[in-house]
Amino acid sequence: MDQQPLPNNSQLNIEISEEVAEGEYANLAIITHSNAEFVVDFVNVMPGTPKSRVKSRIILTPQHAKRLMHALTENIQKYESVNGLIKDLEEIQLPLNFGGPTAQA
């Protein structure tokens, strides 16, 4: 069966399930790569927990990884033009207990 290319004026219809739309919180991304792909693992690391789990893994071709990098750069620039510069974590002094009660053993 031959597939016809989409006309230039057609739109891509993208759907998202309720479960995926809820999202996953991550405060750490671990990126590895081979010659064929980039793997981005998103992790939620909580203080006082000895072990964390990967919440989501995204696998990209090198070309798509580069497009993502450019899209993130562009969106961060737009965000900062409205909201001010985003400080790097090294510039922010976070308390070890993240504002909650101090953990005890």
N, C-alpha and C. Protein backbone atom coordinates (compact mmCIF):
# COMPACT_ATOMS: atom_id res chain seq x y z
N MET A 1 0.84 -1.18 0.00
CA MET A 1 0.00 0.00 0.00
C MET A 1 0.88 1.24 0.00
N ASP A 2 0.71 2.10 -0.98
CA ASP A 2 1.49 3.33 -1.06
C ASP A 2 0.92 4.38 -0.13
N GLN A 3 1.81 5.07 0.56
CA GLN A 3 1.39 6.18 1.42
C GLN A 3 1.72 7.48 0.71
N GLN A 4 0.75 8.34 0.63
CA GLN A 4 0.93 9.65 0.01
C GLN A 4 1.49 10.62 1.04
N PRO A 5 2.43 11.46 0.65
CA PRO A 5 2.93 12.46 1.60
C PRO A 5 1.81 13.44 1.96
N LEU A 6 1.90 13.97 3.19
CA LEU A 6 0.91 14.95 3.64
C LEU A 6 1.10 16.25 2.87
N PRO A 7 0.00 16.88 2.45
CA PRO A 7 0.13 18.20 1.82
C PRO A 7 0.73 19.19 2.81
N ASN A 8 1.38 20.22 2.30
CA ASN A 8 2.06 21.19 3.16
C ASN A 8 1.13 21.90 4.13
N ASN A 9 -0.15 22.02 3.80
CA ASN A 9 -1.06 22.77 4.66
C ASN A 9 -1.81 21.88 5.66
N SER A 10 -1.56 20.58 5.66
CA SER A 10 -2.26 19.71 6.59
C SER A 10 -1.60 19.75 7.97
N GLN A 11 -2.38 19.46 9.00
CA GLN A 11 -1.88 19.49 10.36
C GLN A 11 -1.75 18.07 10.89
N LEU A 12 -0.79 17.87 11.77
CA LEU A 12 -0.59 16.60 12.43
C LEU A 12 -1.52 16.54 13.64
N ASN A 13 -2.32 15.51 13.74
CA ASN A 13 -3.26 15.35 14.85
C ASN A 13 -2.58 14.51 15.92
N ILE A 14 -2.30 15.10 17.06
CA ILE A 14 -1.61 14.42 18.15
C ILE A 14 -2.56 14.29 19.32
N GLU A 15 -2.68 13.08 19.86
CA GLU A 15 -3.54 12.83 21.01
C GLU A 15 -2.67 12.49 22.21
N ILE A 16 -3.21 12.76 23.41
CA ILE A 16 -2.50 12.42 24.64
C ILE A 16 -3.50 11.80 25.61
N SER A 17 -3.12 10.68 26.20
CA SER A 17 -4.00 10.01 27.15
C SER A 17 -4.00 10.80 28.47
N GLU A 18 -5.02 10.59 29.27
CA GLU A 18 -5.11 11.28 30.56
C GLU A 18 -3.91 10.93 31.44
N GLU A 19 -3.51 9.67 31.42
CA GLU A 19 -2.38 9.23 32.25
C GLU A 19 -1.10 9.95 31.85
N VAL A 20 -0.83 10.06 30.57
CA VAL A 20 0.38 10.74 30.11
C VAL A 20 0.27 12.23 30.36
N ALA A 21 -0.92 12.80 30.21
CA ALA A 21 -1.13 14.24 30.40
C ALA A 21 -0.83 14.67 31.83
N GLU A 22 -0.97 13.75 32.80
CA GLU A 22 -0.66 14.08 34.19
C GLU A 22 0.82 14.36 34.37
N GLY A 23 1.65 13.75 33.57
CA GLY A 23 3.09 13.99 33.61
C GLY A 23 3.76 13.28 34.77
N GLU A 24 5.07 13.36 34.77
CA GLU A 24 5.91 12.81 35.83
C GLU A 24 6.86 13.92 36.26
N TYR A 25 7.02 14.11 37.56
CA TYR A 25 7.97 15.11 38.06
C TYR A 25 9.36 14.49 38.06
N ALA A 26 10.33 15.24 37.57
CA ALA A 26 11.72 14.80 37.60
C ALA A 26 12.60 15.99 37.96
N ASN A 27 13.60 15.75 38.81
CA ASN A 27 14.55 16.80 39.15
C ASN A 27 15.98 16.39 38.78
N LEU A 28 16.09 15.32 37.99
CA LEU A 28 17.39 14.87 37.51
C LEU A 28 17.20 14.21 36.15
N ALA A 29 18.05 14.53 35.21
CA ALA A 29 18.05 13.86 33.91
C ALA A 29 19.44 13.28 33.70
N ILE A 30 19.48 12.02 33.34
CA ILE A 30 20.74 11.33 33.06
C ILE A 30 20.75 11.03 31.57
N ILE A 31 21.78 11.52 30.88
CA ILE A 31 21.83 11.37 29.42
C ILE A 31 23.02 10.49 29.05
N THR A 32 22.73 9.46 28.27
CA THR A 32 23.78 8.60 27.72
C THR A 32 23.56 8.53 26.21
N HIS A 33 24.59 8.13 25.49
CA HIS A 33 24.42 8.04 24.04
C HIS A 33 25.34 6.99 23.44
N SER A 34 24.94 6.53 22.27
CA SER A 34 25.76 5.67 21.43
C SER A 34 25.86 6.38 20.08
N ASN A 35 26.43 5.70 19.10
CA ASN A 35 26.51 6.33 17.78
C ASN A 35 25.15 6.41 17.10
N ALA A 36 24.15 5.68 17.62
CA ALA A 36 22.84 5.62 16.96
C ALA A 36 21.73 6.32 17.73
N GLU A 37 21.92 6.55 19.04
CA GLU A 37 20.80 7.11 19.80
C GLU A 37 21.26 7.81 21.07
N PHE A 38 20.40 8.70 21.54
CA PHE A 38 20.55 9.35 22.83
C PHE A 38 19.47 8.80 23.74
N VAL A 39 19.82 8.48 24.98
CA VAL A 39 18.86 7.98 25.95
C VAL A 39 18.82 8.98 27.11
N VAL A 40 17.62 9.50 27.39
CA VAL A 40 17.44 10.46 28.47
C VAL A 40 16.54 9.81 29.52
N ASP A 41 17.11 9.57 30.70
CA ASP A 41 16.36 9.01 31.83
C ASP A 41 16.00 10.15 32.77
N PHE A 42 14.70 10.28 33.08
CA PHE A 42 14.22 11.30 34.00
C PHE A 42 13.96 10.64 35.35
N VAL A 43 14.55 11.23 36.41
CA VAL A 43 14.53 10.64 37.75
C VAL A 43 13.99 11.67 38.73
N ASN A 44 13.27 11.21 39.74
CA ASN A 44 12.83 12.05 40.85
C ASN A 44 13.63 11.63 42.07
N VAL A 45 14.62 12.45 42.43
CA VAL A 45 15.48 12.16 43.58
C VAL A 45 14.94 12.93 44.78
N MET A 46 14.66 12.23 45.86
CA MET A 46 14.16 12.88 47.08
C MET A 46 15.22 12.79 48.16
N PRO A 47 15.41 13.88 48.91
CA PRO A 47 16.42 13.86 49.97
C PRO A 47 16.09 12.83 51.03
N GLY A 48 17.12 12.21 51.54
CA GLY A 48 16.94 11.21 52.59
C GLY A 48 16.53 9.84 52.08
N THR A 49 16.36 9.70 50.77
CA THR A 49 16.01 8.39 50.21
C THR A 49 17.26 7.80 49.57
N PRO A 50 17.62 6.60 49.96
CA PRO A 50 18.85 6.03 49.44
C PRO A 50 18.75 5.57 47.98
N LYS A 51 17.53 5.41 47.48
CA LYS A 51 17.36 4.86 46.14
C LYS A 51 16.30 5.67 45.40
N SER A 52 16.53 5.89 44.11
CA SER A 52 15.56 6.59 43.27
C SER A 52 15.31 5.76 42.03
N ARG A 53 14.14 5.98 41.42
CA ARG A 53 13.77 5.23 40.22
C ARG A 53 13.67 6.14 39.02
N VAL A 54 13.98 5.58 37.86
CA VAL A 54 13.75 6.29 36.61
C VAL A 54 12.24 6.36 36.41
N LYS A 55 11.73 7.57 36.23
CA LYS A 55 10.29 7.77 36.04
C LYS A 55 9.91 7.67 34.58
N SER A 56 10.84 8.05 33.70
CA SER A 56 10.54 8.02 32.27
C SER A 56 11.85 7.93 31.50
N ARG A 57 11.84 7.22 30.39
CA ARG A 57 13.02 7.12 29.53
C ARG A 57 12.59 7.51 28.12
N ILE A 58 13.33 8.43 27.53
CA ILE A 58 13.07 8.86 26.17
C ILE A 58 14.31 8.51 25.34
N ILE A 59 14.09 7.85 24.21
CA ILE A 59 15.18 7.46 23.32
C ILE A 59 15.02 8.25 22.02
N LEU A 60 16.09 8.95 21.64
CA LEU A 60 16.06 9.84 20.49
C LEU A 60 17.18 9.52 19.52
N THR A 61 16.95 9.78 18.23
CA THR A 61 18.05 9.73 17.27
C THR A 61 18.93 10.95 17.54
N PRO A 62 20.19 10.93 17.12
CA PRO A 62 21.04 12.11 17.30
C PRO A 62 20.42 13.37 16.68
N GLN A 63 19.77 13.23 15.53
CA GLN A 63 19.15 14.38 14.88
C GLN A 63 18.02 14.95 15.73
N HIS A 64 17.18 14.07 16.30
CA HIS A 64 16.09 14.56 17.14
C HIS A 64 16.60 15.12 18.46
N ALA A 65 17.69 14.57 18.99
CA ALA A 65 18.28 15.11 20.21
C ALA A 65 18.76 16.54 19.96
N LYS A 66 19.36 16.77 18.81
CA LYS A 66 19.83 18.12 18.49
C LYS A 66 18.66 19.08 18.29
N ARG A 67 17.60 18.60 17.65
CA ARG A 67 16.40 19.45 17.48
C ARG A 67 15.79 19.77 18.85
N LEU A 68 15.78 18.81 19.77
CA LEU A 68 15.27 19.05 21.12
C LEU A 68 16.13 20.10 21.83
N MET A 69 17.45 19.98 21.69
CA MET A 69 18.35 20.96 22.31
C MET A 69 18.03 22.37 21.81
N HIS A 70 17.86 22.53 20.49
CA HIS A 70 17.55 23.84 19.93
C HIS A 70 16.18 24.33 20.42
N ALA A 71 15.19 23.44 20.48
CA ALA A 71 13.86 23.82 20.95
C ALA A 71 13.90 24.25 22.41
N LEU A 72 14.65 23.53 23.25
CA LEU A 72 14.78 23.91 24.66
C LEU A 72 15.48 25.26 24.80
N THR A 73 16.54 25.47 24.04
CA THR A 73 17.27 26.74 24.08
C THR A 73 16.34 27.89 23.71
N GLU A 74 15.60 27.73 22.64
CA GLU A 74 14.67 28.78 22.19
C GLU A 74 13.60 29.06 23.25
N ASN A 75 13.05 28.00 23.84
CA ASN A 75 11.99 28.19 24.83
C ASN A 75 12.52 28.77 26.13
N ILE A 76 13.74 28.42 26.52
CA ILE A 76 14.33 29.01 27.72
C ILE A 76 14.57 30.50 27.49
N GLN A 77 15.04 30.87 26.31
CA GLN A 77 15.24 32.28 26.00
C GLN A 77 13.92 33.04 26.07
N LYS A 78 12.85 32.46 25.53
CA LYS A 78 11.53 33.11 25.58
C LYS A 78 11.05 33.24 27.03
N TYR A 79 11.23 32.19 27.82
CA TYR A 79 10.84 32.21 29.23
C TYR A 79 11.58 33.31 29.97
N GLU A 80 12.91 33.36 29.79
CA GLU A 80 13.72 34.33 30.51
C GLU A 80 13.42 35.77 30.07
N SER A 81 13.02 35.96 28.84
CA SER A 81 12.69 37.32 28.39
C SER A 81 11.44 37.84 29.10
N VAL A 82 10.58 36.94 29.55
CA VAL A 82 9.35 37.33 30.27
C VAL A 82 9.55 37.28 31.78
N ASN A 83 10.23 36.25 32.27
CA ASN A 83 10.31 35.97 33.70
C ASN A 83 11.65 36.27 34.36
N GLY A 84 12.63 36.67 33.60
CA GLY A 84 13.96 36.90 34.15
C GLY A 84 14.82 35.65 34.05
N LEU A 85 16.11 35.84 34.30
CA LEU A 85 17.07 34.74 34.17
C LEU A 85 16.77 33.61 35.15
N ILE A 86 16.93 32.41 34.67
CA ILE A 86 16.82 31.23 35.52
C ILE A 86 18.20 31.03 36.16
N LYS A 87 18.23 30.96 37.48
CA LYS A 87 19.50 30.75 38.17
C LYS A 87 19.88 29.27 38.11
N ASP A 88 21.17 29.03 37.92
CA ASP A 88 21.67 27.66 37.98
C ASP A 88 21.59 27.18 39.42
N LEU A 89 21.48 25.87 39.62
CA LEU A 89 21.40 25.31 40.97
C LEU A 89 22.59 25.70 41.82
N GLU A 90 23.76 25.87 41.18
CA GLU A 90 24.95 26.26 41.94
C GLU A 90 24.78 27.63 42.57
N GLU A 91 23.92 28.47 41.98
CA GLU A 91 23.70 29.82 42.49
C GLU A 91 22.64 29.86 43.59
N ILE A 92 21.88 28.78 43.74
CA ILE A 92 20.78 28.74 44.71
C ILE A 92 21.20 27.88 45.88
N GLN A 93 21.06 28.40 47.08
CA GLN A 93 21.39 27.63 48.28
C GLN A 93 20.12 26.95 48.78
N LEU A 94 19.96 25.67 48.46
CA LEU A 94 18.80 24.91 48.90
C LEU A 94 19.10 24.26 50.25
N PRO A 95 18.17 24.35 51.19
CA PRO A 95 18.37 23.61 52.45
C PRO A 95 18.30 22.12 52.17
N LEU A 96 19.04 21.35 52.94
CA LEU A 96 19.06 19.91 52.71
C LEU A 96 17.71 19.26 52.94
N ASN A 97 16.85 19.87 53.74
CA ASN A 97 15.54 19.25 54.00
C ASN A 97 14.46 19.81 53.08
N PHE A 98 14.80 20.65 52.12
CA PHE A 98 13.86 21.20 51.14
C PHE A 98 12.66 21.85 51.80
N GLY A 99 12.82 22.40 52.99
CA GLY A 99 11.73 23.11 53.64
C GLY A 99 10.83 22.23 54.48
N GLY A 100 11.03 20.94 54.45
CA GLY A 100 10.21 20.02 55.25
C GLY A 100 10.91 19.68 56.55
N PRO A 101 10.34 18.78 57.31
CA PRO A 101 10.98 18.39 58.57
C PRO A 101 12.31 17.69 58.33
N THR A 102 13.21 17.84 59.26
CA THR A 102 14.50 17.18 59.16
C THR A 102 14.32 15.68 59.35
N ALA A 103 14.92 14.90 58.45
CA ALA A 103 14.78 13.45 58.53
C ALA A 103 15.57 12.90 59.72
N GLN A 104 15.01 11.89 60.36
CA GLN A 104 15.69 11.23 61.47
C GLN A 104 15.66 9.74 61.24
N ALA A 105 16.73 9.09 61.70
CA ALA A 105 16.80 7.63 61.54
C ALA A 105 16.19 6.94 62.74
